[in-house]
Amino acid sequence: RYLRENEVSSKLAIRVQRQAKARFGDDGKIARADVGAFQLLSESLQKQLHREVCEPKLVLHPFFRMMRNVDVSWFEDFLSTVVQIEVARGDDDIFFAGRTATSAAYLVCGTVSYMQEP
């Protein structure tokens, strides 16, 4: 209804509807932000959970493995203040042409296709 009321082109409306429909039925990974119960946990328990989820993935990279081994305190602080897990789904835009980067991405699984459309 929103698309019709705002006179969105048929071509775009079809793309929007397909993606929305696919995502409603998506059984893929769940993002931490999608689990409301995590907000009820104490800060220390949230940090512990975050570390247990992130650390195994980060230490696969030689730099992060070395930093954990050199300074565990720094590594724990890094995990709790800098590292975020983002769940991207098919057709999500991760990078945008012409925008200044504000973060870095470390791909843990899956593939990324880089395309620039005019």
PDB file of N, CA and C in Angstrom:
ATOM      1  N   ARG A   1       0.830  -1.196   0.000  1.00  0.00           N
ATOM      2  CA  ARG A   1       0.000   0.000   0.000  1.00  0.00           C
ATOM      3  C   ARG A   1       0.875   1.261   0.000  1.00  0.00           C
ATOM      4  N   TYR A   2       1.909   1.279   0.864  1.00  0.00           N
ATOM      5  CA  TYR A   2       2.813   2.437   0.937  1.00  0.00           C
ATOM      6  C   TYR A   2       3.415   2.742  -0.432  1.00  0.00           C
ATOM      7  N   LEU A   3       3.824   1.709  -1.138  1.00  0.00           N
ATOM      8  CA  LEU A   3       4.458   1.894  -2.447  1.00  0.00           C
ATOM      9  C   LEU A   3       3.481   2.515  -3.451  1.00  0.00           C
ATOM     10  N   ARG A   4       2.252   2.036  -3.419  1.00  0.00           N
ATOM     11  CA  ARG A   4       1.218   2.575  -4.321  1.00  0.00           C
ATOM     12  C   ARG A   4       0.893   4.024  -3.989  1.00  0.00           C
ATOM     13  N   GLU A   5       0.695   4.283  -2.689  1.00  0.00           N
ATOM     14  CA  GLU A   5       0.330   5.635  -2.263  1.00  0.00           C
ATOM     15  C   GLU A   5       1.410   6.663  -2.607  1.00  0.00           C
ATOM     16  N   ASN A   6       2.650   6.218  -2.646  1.00  0.00           N
ATOM     17  CA  ASN A   6       3.754   7.133  -2.921  1.00  0.00           C
ATOM     18  C   ASN A   6       4.250   7.033  -4.352  1.00  0.00           C
ATOM     19  N   GLU A   7       3.451   6.371  -5.191  1.00  0.00           N
ATOM     20  CA  GLU A   7       3.705   6.278  -6.627  1.00  0.00           C
ATOM     21  C   GLU A   7       5.103   5.780  -6.969  1.00  0.00           C
ATOM     22  N   VAL A   8       5.518   4.741  -6.245  1.00  0.00           N
ATOM     23  CA  VAL A   8       6.812   4.113  -6.523  1.00  0.00           C
ATOM     24  C   VAL A   8       6.681   3.327  -7.819  1.00  0.00           C
ATOM     25  N   SER A   9       7.700   3.400  -8.668  1.00  0.00           N
ATOM     26  CA  SER A   9       7.647   2.710  -9.957  1.00  0.00           C
ATOM     27  C   SER A   9       7.437   1.211  -9.768  1.00  0.00           C
ATOM     28  N   SER A  10       6.797   0.585 -10.729  1.00  0.00           N
ATOM     29  CA  SER A  10       6.521  -0.852 -10.660  1.00  0.00           C
ATOM     30  C   SER A  10       7.808  -1.658 -10.523  1.00  0.00           C
ATOM     31  N   LYS A  11       8.818  -1.251 -11.263  1.00  0.00           N
ATOM     32  CA  LYS A  11      10.093  -1.975 -11.247  1.00  0.00           C
ATOM     33  C   LYS A  11      10.707  -1.981  -9.836  1.00  0.00           C
ATOM     34  N   LEU A  12      10.733  -0.827  -9.195  1.00  0.00           N
ATOM     35  CA  LEU A  12      11.288  -0.738  -7.840  1.00  0.00           C
ATOM     36  C   LEU A  12      10.369  -1.413  -6.832  1.00  0.00           C
ATOM     37  N   ALA A  13       9.075  -1.249  -6.995  1.00  0.00           N
ATOM     38  CA  ALA A  13       8.118  -1.859  -6.070  1.00  0.00           C
ATOM     39  C   ALA A  13       8.267  -3.374  -6.046  1.00  0.00           C
ATOM     40  N   ILE A  14       8.473  -3.971  -7.198  1.00  0.00           N
ATOM     41  CA  ILE A  14       8.654  -5.423  -7.277  1.00  0.00           C
ATOM     42  C   ILE A  14       9.914  -5.836  -6.532  1.00  0.00           C
ATOM     43  N   ARG A  15      11.008  -5.096  -6.702  1.00  0.00           N
ATOM     44  CA  ARG A  15      12.265  -5.411  -5.994  1.00  0.00           C
ATOM     45  C   ARG A  15      12.083  -5.301  -4.485  1.00  0.00           C
ATOM     46  N   VAL A  16      11.405  -4.236  -4.051  1.00  0.00           N
ATOM     47  CA  VAL A  16      11.165  -4.012  -2.618  1.00  0.00           C
ATOM     48  C   VAL A  16      10.324  -5.150  -2.048  1.00  0.00           C
ATOM     49  N   GLN A  17       9.261  -5.511  -2.731  1.00  0.00           N
ATOM     50  CA  GLN A  17       8.374  -6.570  -2.251  1.00  0.00           C
ATOM     51  C   GLN A  17       9.080  -7.919  -2.190  1.00  0.00           C
ATOM     52  N   ARG A  18       9.880  -8.223  -3.199  1.00  0.00           N
ATOM     53  CA  ARG A  18      10.615  -9.498  -3.208  1.00  0.00           C
ATOM     54  C   ARG A  18      11.589  -9.586  -2.046  1.00  0.00           C
ATOM     55  N   GLN A  19      12.345  -8.507  -1.827  1.00  0.00           N
ATOM     56  CA  GLN A  19      13.328  -8.536  -0.747  1.00  0.00           C
ATOM     57  C   GLN A  19      12.638  -8.620   0.616  1.00  0.00           C
ATOM     58  N   ALA A  20      11.580  -7.864   0.814  1.00  0.00           N
ATOM     59  CA  ALA A  20      10.848  -7.903   2.088  1.00  0.00           C
ATOM     60  C   ALA A  20      10.274  -9.292   2.337  1.00  0.00           C
ATOM     61  N   LYS A  21       9.696  -9.879   1.321  1.00  0.00           N
ATOM     62  CA  LYS A  21       9.113 -11.216   1.449  1.00  0.00           C
ATOM     63  C   LYS A  21      10.184 -12.244   1.790  1.00  0.00           C
ATOM     64  N   ALA A  22      11.315 -12.163   1.129  1.00  0.00           N
ATOM     65  CA  ALA A  22      12.416 -13.098   1.382  1.00  0.00           C
ATOM     66  C   ALA A  22      12.943 -12.961   2.802  1.00  0.00           C
ATOM     67  N   ARG A  23      13.011 -11.737   3.294  1.00  0.00           N
ATOM     68  CA  ARG A  23      13.577 -11.510   4.625  1.00  0.00           C
ATOM     69  C   ARG A  23      12.607 -11.889   5.735  1.00  0.00           C
ATOM     70  N   PHE A  24      11.330 -11.802   5.491  1.00  0.00           N
ATOM     71  CA  PHE A  24      10.369 -12.235   6.504  1.00  0.00           C
ATOM     72  C   PHE A  24      10.502 -13.732   6.753  1.00  0.00           C
ATOM     73  N   GLY A  25      10.813 -14.483   5.716  1.00  0.00           N
ATOM     74  CA  GLY A  25      10.944 -15.936   5.855  1.00  0.00           C
ATOM     75  C   GLY A  25      12.379 -16.394   6.043  1.00  0.00           C
ATOM     76  N   ASP A  26      13.290 -15.460   6.236  1.00  0.00           N
ATOM     77  CA  ASP A  26      14.712 -15.779   6.352  1.00  0.00           C
ATOM     78  C   ASP A  26      15.014 -16.487   7.668  1.00  0.00           C
ATOM     79  N   ASP A  27      15.645 -17.646   7.573  1.00  0.00           N
ATOM     80  CA  ASP A  27      16.069 -18.377   8.767  1.00  0.00           C
ATOM     81  C   ASP A  27      17.569 -18.240   8.984  1.00  0.00           C
ATOM     82  N   GLY A  28      18.156 -17.187   8.432  1.00  0.00           N
ATOM     83  CA  GLY A  28      19.601 -16.974   8.544  1.00  0.00           C
ATOM     84  C   GLY A  28      20.010 -16.571   9.948  1.00  0.00           C
ATOM     85  N   LYS A  29      21.237 -16.122  10.074  1.00  0.00           N
ATOM     86  CA  LYS A  29      21.772 -15.722  11.374  1.00  0.00           C
ATOM     87  C   LYS A  29      20.961 -14.581  11.977  1.00  0.00           C
ATOM     88  N   ILE A  30      20.870 -14.608  13.289  1.00  0.00           N
ATOM     89  CA  ILE A  30      20.148 -13.573  14.018  1.00  0.00           C
ATOM     90  C   ILE A  30      21.158 -12.582  14.576  1.00  0.00           C
ATOM     91  N   ALA A  31      20.902 -11.319  14.380  1.00  0.00           N
ATOM     92  CA  ALA A  31      21.771 -10.274  14.915  1.00  0.00           C
ATOM     93  C   ALA A  31      21.493 -10.102  16.405  1.00  0.00           C
ATOM     94  N   ARG A  32      22.511  -9.740  17.156  1.00  0.00           N
ATOM     95  CA  ARG A  32      22.379  -9.529  18.600  1.00  0.00           C
ATOM     96  C   ARG A  32      21.275  -8.510  18.903  1.00  0.00           C
ATOM     97  N   ALA A  33      21.189  -7.475  18.102  1.00  0.00           N
ATOM     98  CA  ALA A  33      20.188  -6.427  18.304  1.00  0.00           C
ATOM     99  C   ALA A  33      18.760  -6.955  18.174  1.00  0.00           C
ATOM    100  N   ASP A  34      18.602  -8.095  17.490  1.00  0.00           N
ATOM    101  CA  ASP A  34      17.277  -8.677  17.297  1.00  0.00           C
ATOM    102  C   ASP A  34      16.821  -9.512  18.488  1.00  0.00           C
ATOM    103  N   VAL A  35      17.686  -9.684  19.480  1.00  0.00           N
ATOM    104  CA  VAL A  35      17.342 -10.477  20.660  1.00  0.00           C
ATOM    105  C   VAL A  35      17.165  -9.520  21.836  1.00  0.00           C
ATOM    106  N   GLY A  36      15.940  -9.121  22.072  1.00  0.00           N
ATOM    107  CA  GLY A  36      15.637  -8.133  23.098  1.00  0.00           C
ATOM    108  C   GLY A  36      16.077  -8.534  24.497  1.00  0.00           C
ATOM    109  N   ALA A  37      16.101  -9.819  24.797  1.00  0.00           N
ATOM    110  CA  ALA A  37      16.466 -10.286  26.140  1.00  0.00           C
ATOM    111  C   ALA A  37      17.892  -9.893  26.510  1.00  0.00           C
ATOM    112  N   PHE A  38      18.771  -9.708  25.530  1.00  0.00           N
ATOM    113  CA  PHE A  38      20.160  -9.341  25.841  1.00  0.00           C
ATOM    114  C   PHE A  38      20.231  -7.988  26.552  1.00  0.00           C
ATOM    115  N   GLN A  39      19.281  -7.109  26.263  1.00  0.00           N
ATOM    116  CA  GLN A  39      19.267  -5.793  26.904  1.00  0.00           C
ATOM    117  C   GLN A  39      18.970  -5.895  28.399  1.00  0.00           C
ATOM    118  N   LEU A  40      18.392  -6.997  28.820  1.00  0.00           N
ATOM    119  CA  LEU A  40      18.045  -7.195  30.226  1.00  0.00           C
ATOM    120  C   LEU A  40      19.223  -7.714  31.057  1.00  0.00           C
ATOM    121  N   LEU A  41      20.270  -8.177  30.389  1.00  0.00           N
ATOM    122  CA  LEU A  41      21.428  -8.746  31.092  1.00  0.00           C
ATOM    123  C   LEU A  41      22.290  -7.643  31.701  1.00  0.00           C
ATOM    124  N   SER A  42      23.012  -8.005  32.745  1.00  0.00           N
ATOM    125  CA  SER A  42      23.945  -7.050  33.342  1.00  0.00           C
ATOM    126  C   SER A  42      25.033  -6.720  32.324  1.00  0.00           C
ATOM    127  N   GLU A  43      25.666  -5.572  32.494  1.00  0.00           N
ATOM    128  CA  GLU A  43      26.723  -5.149  31.571  1.00  0.00           C
ATOM    129  C   GLU A  43      27.862  -6.162  31.534  1.00  0.00           C
ATOM    130  N   SER A  44      28.248  -6.681  32.696  1.00  0.00           N
ATOM    131  CA  SER A  44      29.367  -7.637  32.731  1.00  0.00           C
ATOM    132  C   SER A  44      29.007  -8.928  32.000  1.00  0.00           C
ATOM    133  N   LEU A  45      27.760  -9.387  32.136  1.00  0.00           N
ATOM    134  CA  LEU A  45      27.346 -10.602  31.437  1.00  0.00           C
ATOM    135  C   LEU A  45      27.247 -10.348  29.933  1.00  0.00           C
ATOM    136  N   GLN A  46      26.803  -9.162  29.540  1.00  0.00           N
ATOM    137  CA  GLN A  46      26.763  -8.818  28.119  1.00  0.00           C
ATOM    138  C   GLN A  46      28.173  -8.823  27.526  1.00  0.00           C
ATOM    139  N   LYS A  47      29.137  -8.256  28.251  1.00  0.00           N
ATOM    140  CA  LYS A  47      30.524  -8.227  27.771  1.00  0.00           C
ATOM    141  C   LYS A  47      31.093  -9.635  27.647  1.00  0.00           C
ATOM    142  N   GLN A  48      30.788 -10.479  28.637  1.00  0.00           N
ATOM    143  CA  GLN A  48      31.276 -11.860  28.611  1.00  0.00           C
ATOM    144  C   GLN A  48      30.695 -12.605  27.407  1.00  0.00           C
ATOM    145  N   LEU A  49      29.416 -12.418  27.163  1.00  0.00           N
ATOM    146  CA  LEU A  49      28.758 -13.040  26.017  1.00  0.00           C
ATOM    147  C   LEU A  49      29.362 -12.530  24.709  1.00  0.00           C
ATOM    148  N   HIS A  50      29.549 -11.219  24.625  1.00  0.00           N
ATOM    149  CA  HIS A  50      30.128 -10.604  23.425  1.00  0.00           C
ATOM    150  C   HIS A  50      31.528 -11.166  23.158  1.00  0.00           C
ATOM    151  N   ARG A  51      32.314 -11.284  24.203  1.00  0.00           N
ATOM    152  CA  ARG A  51      33.671 -11.813  24.041  1.00  0.00           C
ATOM    153  C   ARG A  51      33.634 -13.255  23.554  1.00  0.00           C
ATOM    154  N   GLU A  52      32.769 -14.067  24.146  1.00  0.00           N
ATOM    155  CA  GLU A  52      32.719 -15.469  23.757  1.00  0.00           C
ATOM    156  C   GLU A  52      32.256 -15.651  22.319  1.00  0.00           C
ATOM    157  N   VAL A  53      31.430 -14.750  21.845  1.00  0.00           N
ATOM    158  CA  VAL A  53      30.956 -14.820  20.461  1.00  0.00           C
ATOM    159  C   VAL A  53      32.029 -14.299  19.498  1.00  0.00           C
ATOM    160  N   CYS A  54      32.684 -13.188  19.845  1.00  0.00           N
ATOM    161  CA  CYS A  54      33.615 -12.521  18.928  1.00  0.00           C
ATOM    162  C   CYS A  54      35.027 -13.102  18.900  1.00  0.00           C
ATOM    163  N   GLU A  55      35.545 -13.439  20.057  1.00  0.00           N
ATOM    164  CA  GLU A  55      36.958 -13.829  20.133  1.00  0.00           C
ATOM    165  C   GLU A  55      37.340 -14.973  19.187  1.00  0.00           C
ATOM    166  N   PRO A  56      36.585 -16.071  19.142  1.00  0.00           N
ATOM    167  CA  PRO A  56      36.998 -17.168  18.245  1.00  0.00           C
ATOM    168  C   PRO A  56      37.100 -16.746  16.782  1.00  0.00           C
ATOM    169  N   LYS A  57      36.261 -15.800  16.378  1.00  0.00           N
ATOM    170  CA  LYS A  57      36.294 -15.345  14.987  1.00  0.00           C
ATOM    171  C   LYS A  57      37.468 -14.404  14.739  1.00  0.00           C
ATOM    172  N   LEU A  58      37.712 -13.512  15.679  1.00  0.00           N
ATOM    173  CA  LEU A  58      38.797 -12.540  15.508  1.00  0.00           C
ATOM    174  C   LEU A  58      40.172 -13.184  15.540  1.00  0.00           C
ATOM    175  N   VAL A  59      40.382 -14.152  16.416  1.00  0.00           N
ATOM    176  CA  VAL A  59      41.727 -14.730  16.548  1.00  0.00           C
ATOM    177  C   VAL A  59      42.101 -15.615  15.365  1.00  0.00           C
ATOM    178  N   LEU A  60      41.188 -15.806  14.437  1.00  0.00           N
ATOM    179  CA  LEU A  60      41.551 -16.482  13.196  1.00  0.00           C
ATOM    180  C   LEU A  60      42.489 -15.610  12.362  1.00  0.00           C
ATOM    181  N   HIS A  61      42.416 -14.300  12.588  1.00  0.00           N
ATOM    182  CA  HIS A  61      43.293 -13.358  11.892  1.00  0.00           C
ATOM    183  C   HIS A  61      44.591 -13.231  12.686  1.00  0.00           C
ATOM    184  N   PRO A  62      45.747 -13.374  12.031  1.00  0.00           N
ATOM    185  CA  PRO A  62      47.037 -13.358  12.747  1.00  0.00           C
ATOM    186  C   PRO A  62      47.267 -12.095  13.593  1.00  0.00           C
ATOM    187  N   PHE A  63      46.843 -10.926  13.112  1.00  0.00           N
ATOM    188  CA  PHE A  63      47.059  -9.702  13.876  1.00  0.00           C
ATOM    189  C   PHE A  63      46.313  -9.739  15.209  1.00  0.00           C
ATOM    190  N   PHE A  64      45.037 -10.093  15.155  1.00  0.00           N
ATOM    191  CA  PHE A  64      44.238 -10.117  16.378  1.00  0.00           C
ATOM    192  C   PHE A  64      44.692 -11.231  17.327  1.00  0.00           C
ATOM    193  N   ARG A  65      45.109 -12.359  16.771  1.00  0.00           N
ATOM    194  CA  ARG A  65      45.641 -13.447  17.604  1.00  0.00           C
ATOM    195  C   ARG A  65      46.888 -12.971  18.339  1.00  0.00           C
ATOM    196  N   MET A  66      47.771 -12.258  17.617  1.00  0.00           N
ATOM    197  CA  MET A  66      48.986 -11.742  18.238  1.00  0.00           C
ATOM    198  C   MET A  66      48.646 -10.726  19.330  1.00  0.00           C
ATOM    199  N   MET A  67      47.714  -9.827  19.046  1.00  0.00           N
ATOM    200  CA  MET A  67      47.361  -8.808  20.033  1.00  0.00           C
ATOM    201  C   MET A  67      46.750  -9.429  21.290  1.00  0.00           C
ATOM    202  N   ARG A  68      45.964 -10.460  21.132  1.00  0.00           N
ATOM    203  CA  ARG A  68      45.407 -11.145  22.306  1.00  0.00           C
ATOM    204  C   ARG A  68      46.529 -11.772  23.126  1.00  0.00           C
ATOM    205  N   ASN A  69      47.503 -12.367  22.442  1.00  0.00           N
ATOM    206  CA  ASN A  69      48.607 -13.017  23.144  1.00  0.00           C
ATOM    207  C   ASN A  69      49.549 -12.008  23.801  1.00  0.00           C
ATOM    208  N   VAL A  70      49.702 -10.835  23.191  1.00  0.00           N
ATOM    209  CA  VAL A  70      50.611  -9.813  23.716  1.00  0.00           C
ATOM    210  C   VAL A  70      49.987  -9.064  24.888  1.00  0.00           C
ATOM    211  N   ASP A  71      48.703  -8.719  24.771  1.00  0.00           N
ATOM    212  CA  ASP A  71      48.080  -7.898  25.804  1.00  0.00           C
ATOM    213  C   ASP A  71      46.592  -8.262  25.932  1.00  0.00           C
ATOM    214  N   VAL A  72      46.298  -9.186  26.813  1.00  0.00           N
ATOM    215  CA  VAL A  72      44.928  -9.667  26.990  1.00  0.00           C
ATOM    216  C   VAL A  72      44.005  -8.535  27.425  1.00  0.00           C
ATOM    217  N   SER A  73      44.480  -7.653  28.269  1.00  0.00           N
ATOM    218  CA  SER A  73      43.672  -6.539  28.750  1.00  0.00           C
ATOM    219  C   SER A  73      43.269  -5.620  27.590  1.00  0.00           C
ATOM    220  N   TRP A  74      44.233  -5.285  26.727  1.00  0.00           N
ATOM    221  CA  TRP A  74      43.938  -4.460  25.555  1.00  0.00           C
ATOM    222  C   TRP A  74      42.915  -5.161  24.670  1.00  0.00           C
ATOM    223  N   PHE A  75      43.110  -6.450  24.455  1.00  0.00           N
ATOM    224  CA  PHE A  75      42.234  -7.215  23.579  1.00  0.00           C
ATOM    225  C   PHE A  75      40.800  -7.230  24.117  1.00  0.00           C
ATOM    226  N   GLU A  76      40.641  -7.432  25.412  1.00  0.00           N
ATOM    227  CA  GLU A  76      39.306  -7.444  26.006  1.00  0.00           C
ATOM    228  C   GLU A  76      38.644  -6.068  25.882  1.00  0.00           C
ATOM    229  N   ASP A  77      39.420  -5.017  26.092  1.00  0.00           N
ATOM    230  CA  ASP A  77      38.900  -3.663  25.941  1.00  0.00           C
ATOM    231  C   ASP A  77      38.509  -3.398  24.486  1.00  0.00           C
ATOM    232  N   PHE A  78      39.336  -3.842  23.563  1.00  0.00           N
ATOM    233  CA  PHE A  78      39.070  -3.711  22.130  1.00  0.00           C
ATOM    234  C   PHE A  78      37.757  -4.403  21.771  1.00  0.00           C
ATOM    235  N   LEU A  79      37.582  -5.619  22.266  1.00  0.00           N
ATOM    236  CA  LEU A  79      36.360  -6.361  21.986  1.00  0.00           C
ATOM    237  C   LEU A  79      35.122  -5.625  22.500  1.00  0.00           C
ATOM    238  N   SER A  80      35.213  -5.111  23.716  1.00  0.00           N
ATOM    239  CA  SER A  80      34.016  -4.522  24.324  1.00  0.00           C
ATOM    240  C   SER A  80      33.707  -3.115  23.825  1.00  0.00           C
ATOM    241  N   THR A  81      34.690  -2.399  23.297  1.00  0.00           N
ATOM    242  CA  THR A  81      34.436  -1.019  22.885  1.00  0.00           C
ATOM    243  C   THR A  81      34.434  -0.793  21.373  1.00  0.00           C
ATOM    244  N   VAL A  82      35.046  -1.681  20.625  1.00  0.00           N
ATOM    245  CA  VAL A  82      35.209  -1.440  19.189  1.00  0.00           C
ATOM    246  C   VAL A  82      34.493  -2.464  18.311  1.00  0.00           C
ATOM    247  N   VAL A  83      34.569  -3.721  18.672  1.00  0.00           N
ATOM    248  CA  VAL A  83      34.090  -4.793  17.803  1.00  0.00           C
ATOM    249  C   VAL A  83      32.571  -4.923  17.861  1.00  0.00           C
ATOM    250  N   GLN A  84      31.969  -4.950  16.693  1.00  0.00           N
ATOM    251  CA  GLN A  84      30.537  -5.178  16.549  1.00  0.00           C
ATOM    252  C   GLN A  84      30.340  -6.278  15.523  1.00  0.00           C
ATOM    253  N   ILE A  85      29.362  -7.099  15.745  1.00  0.00           N
ATOM    254  CA  ILE A  85      29.025  -8.118  14.757  1.00  0.00           C
ATOM    255  C   ILE A  85      27.837  -7.605  13.958  1.00  0.00           C
ATOM    256  N   GLU A  86      27.991  -7.586  12.671  1.00  0.00           N
ATOM    257  CA  GLU A  86      26.924  -7.175  11.766  1.00  0.00           C
ATOM    258  C   GLU A  86      26.506  -8.393  10.953  1.00  0.00           C
ATOM    259  N   VAL A  87      25.234  -8.604  10.843  1.00  0.00           N
ATOM    260  CA  VAL A  87      24.711  -9.698  10.033  1.00  0.00           C
ATOM    261  C   VAL A  87      24.176  -9.082   8.746  1.00  0.00           C
ATOM    262  N   ALA A  88      24.824  -9.394   7.647  1.00  0.00           N
ATOM    263  CA  ALA A  88      24.382  -8.893   6.345  1.00  0.00           C
ATOM    264  C   ALA A  88      23.663 -10.010   5.602  1.00  0.00           C
ATOM    265  N   ARG A  89      22.629  -9.649   4.919  1.00  0.00           N
ATOM    266  CA  ARG A  89      21.869 -10.616   4.139  1.00  0.00           C
ATOM    267  C   ARG A  89      22.041 -10.285   2.654  1.00  0.00           C
ATOM    268  N   GLY A  90      21.634 -11.195   1.815  1.00  0.00           N
ATOM    269  CA  GLY A  90      21.745 -10.977   0.382  1.00  0.00           C
ATOM    270  C   GLY A  90      21.156  -9.643  -0.031  1.00  0.00           C
ATOM    271  N   ASP A  91      21.820  -8.972  -0.908  1.00  0.00           N
ATOM    272  CA  ASP A  91      21.417  -7.668  -1.441  1.00  0.00           C
ATOM    273  C   ASP A  91      21.593  -6.513  -0.463  1.00  0.00           C
ATOM    274  N   ASP A  92      22.180  -6.757   0.715  1.00  0.00           N
ATOM    275  CA  ASP A  92      22.485  -5.643   1.621  1.00  0.00           C
ATOM    276  C   ASP A  92      23.639  -4.836   1.055  1.00  0.00           C
ATOM    277  N   ASP A  93      23.580  -3.543   1.234  1.00  0.00           N
ATOM    278  CA  ASP A  93      24.680  -2.667   0.842  1.00  0.00           C
ATOM    279  C   ASP A  93      25.593  -2.503   2.045  1.00  0.00           C
ATOM    280  N   ILE A  94      26.863  -2.814   1.850  1.00  0.00           N
ATOM    281  CA  ILE A  94      27.835  -2.717   2.939  1.00  0.00           C
ATOM    282  C   ILE A  94      28.726  -1.500   2.737  1.00  0.00           C
ATOM    283  N   PHE A  95      29.062  -1.220   1.499  1.00  0.00           N
ATOM    284  CA  PHE A  95      29.902  -0.077   1.148  1.00  0.00           C
ATOM    285  C   PHE A  95      29.129   0.818   0.186  1.00  0.00           C
ATOM    286  N   PHE A  96      29.425   2.112   0.242  1.00  0.00           N
ATOM    287  CA  PHE A  96      28.738   3.055  -0.627  1.00  0.00           C
ATOM    288  C   PHE A  96      29.762   3.927  -1.341  1.00  0.00           C
ATOM    289  N   ALA A  97      29.657   3.995  -2.659  1.00  0.00           N
ATOM    290  CA  ALA A  97      30.569   4.802  -3.460  1.00  0.00           C
ATOM    291  C   ALA A  97      30.471   6.265  -3.046  1.00  0.00           C
ATOM    292  N   GLY A  98      31.612   6.902  -2.891  1.00  0.00           N
ATOM    293  CA  GLY A  98      31.647   8.316  -2.581  1.00  0.00           C
ATOM    294  C   GLY A  98      31.542   8.659  -1.107  1.00  0.00           C
ATOM    295  N   ARG A  99      31.254   7.688  -0.263  1.00  0.00           N
ATOM    296  CA  ARG A  99      31.152   7.945   1.182  1.00  0.00           C
ATOM    297  C   ARG A  99      32.487   7.677   1.860  1.00  0.00           C
ATOM    298  N   THR A 100      32.807   8.510   2.816  1.00  0.00           N
ATOM    299  CA  THR A 100      34.015   8.299   3.605  1.00  0.00           C
ATOM    300  C   THR A 100      33.778   7.131   4.553  1.00  0.00           C
ATOM    301  N   ALA A 101      34.732   6.228   4.617  1.00  0.00           N
ATOM    302  CA  ALA A 101      34.606   5.067   5.492  1.00  0.00           C
ATOM    303  C   ALA A 101      34.669   5.504   6.951  1.00  0.00           C
ATOM    304  N   THR A 102      33.806   4.919   7.766  1.00  0.00           N
ATOM    305  CA  THR A 102      33.794   5.216   9.199  1.00  0.00           C
ATOM    306  C   THR A 102      34.115   3.978  10.023  1.00  0.00           C
ATOM    307  N   SER A 103      34.299   2.844   9.342  1.00  0.00           N
ATOM    308  CA  SER A 103      34.607   1.608  10.041  1.00  0.00           C
ATOM    309  C   SER A 103      35.290   0.651   9.073  1.00  0.00           C
ATOM    310  N   ALA A 104      35.746  -0.462   9.620  1.00  0.00           N
ATOM    311  CA  ALA A 104      36.356  -1.511   8.811  1.00  0.00           C
ATOM    312  C   ALA A 104      35.508  -2.766   8.951  1.00  0.00           C
ATOM    313  N   ALA A 105      35.559  -3.616   7.959  1.00  0.00           N
ATOM    314  CA  ALA A 105      34.797  -4.863   8.007  1.00  0.00           C
ATOM    315  C   ALA A 105      35.752  -6.042   7.934  1.00  0.00           C
ATOM    316  N   TYR A 106      35.466  -7.048   8.713  1.00  0.00           N
ATOM    317  CA  TYR A 106      36.238  -8.297   8.705  1.00  0.00           C
ATOM    318  C   TYR A 106      35.241  -9.403   8.435  1.00  0.00           C
ATOM    319  N   LEU A 107      35.269  -9.942   7.232  1.00  0.00           N
ATOM    320  CA  LEU A 107      34.312 -10.952   6.808  1.00  0.00           C
ATOM    321  C   LEU A 107      34.645 -12.286   7.460  1.00  0.00           C
ATOM    322  N   VAL A 108      33.693 -12.844   8.187  1.00  0.00           N
ATOM    323  CA  VAL A 108      33.907 -14.101   8.891  1.00  0.00           C
ATOM    324  C   VAL A 108      33.435 -15.276   8.047  1.00  0.00           C
ATOM    325  N   CYS A 109      32.305 -15.123   7.376  1.00  0.00           N
ATOM    326  CA  CYS A 109      31.835 -16.201   6.510  1.00  0.00           C
ATOM    327  C   CYS A 109      31.024 -15.598   5.372  1.00  0.00           C
ATOM    328  N   GLY A 110      30.911 -16.358   4.304  1.00  0.00           N
ATOM    329  CA  GLY A 110      30.157 -15.895   3.151  1.00  0.00           C
ATOM    330  C   GLY A 110      31.046 -15.213   2.133  1.00  0.00           C
ATOM    331  N   THR A 111      30.420 -14.561   1.195  1.00  0.00           N
ATOM    332  CA  THR A 111      31.144 -13.863   0.143  1.00  0.00           C
ATOM    333  C   THR A 111      30.548 -12.471  -0.046  1.00  0.00           C
ATOM    334  N   VAL A 112      31.350 -11.598  -0.612  1.00  0.00           N
ATOM    335  CA  VAL A 112      30.910 -10.238  -0.890  1.00  0.00           C
ATOM    336  C   VAL A 112      31.192  -9.956  -2.360  1.00  0.00           C
ATOM    337  N   SER A 113      30.228  -9.356  -3.026  1.00  0.00           N
ATOM    338  CA  SER A 113      30.416  -8.924  -4.408  1.00  0.00           C
ATOM    339  C   SER A 113      30.483  -7.408  -4.414  1.00  0.00           C
ATOM    340  N   TYR A 114      31.517  -6.870  -5.026  1.00  0.00           N
ATOM    341  CA  TYR A 114      31.660  -5.431  -5.142  1.00  0.00           C
ATOM    342  C   TYR A 114      31.144  -4.992  -6.499  1.00  0.00           C
ATOM    343  N   MET A 115      30.146  -4.123  -6.490  1.00  0.00           N
ATOM    344  CA  MET A 115      29.592  -3.609  -7.729  1.00  0.00           C
ATOM    345  C   MET A 115      29.316  -2.139  -7.555  1.00  0.00           C
ATOM    346  N   GLN A 116      29.537  -1.389  -8.613  1.00  0.00           N
ATOM    347  CA  GLN A 116      29.181   0.024  -8.575  1.00  0.00           C
ATOM    348  C   GLN A 116      28.234   0.276  -9.722  1.00  0.00           C
ATOM    349  N   GLU A 117      27.042   0.718  -9.368  1.00  0.00           N
ATOM    350  CA  GLU A 117      26.042   1.038 -10.380  1.00  0.00           C
ATOM    351  C   GLU A 117      26.061   2.536 -10.590  1.00  0.00           C
ATOM    352  N   PRO A 118      25.895   2.968 -11.845  1.00  0.00           N
ATOM    353  CA  PRO A 118      25.955   4.413 -12.125  1.00  0.00           C
ATOM    354  C   PRO A 118      24.943   5.223 -11.359  1.00  0.00           C
TER     355      PRO A 118
END
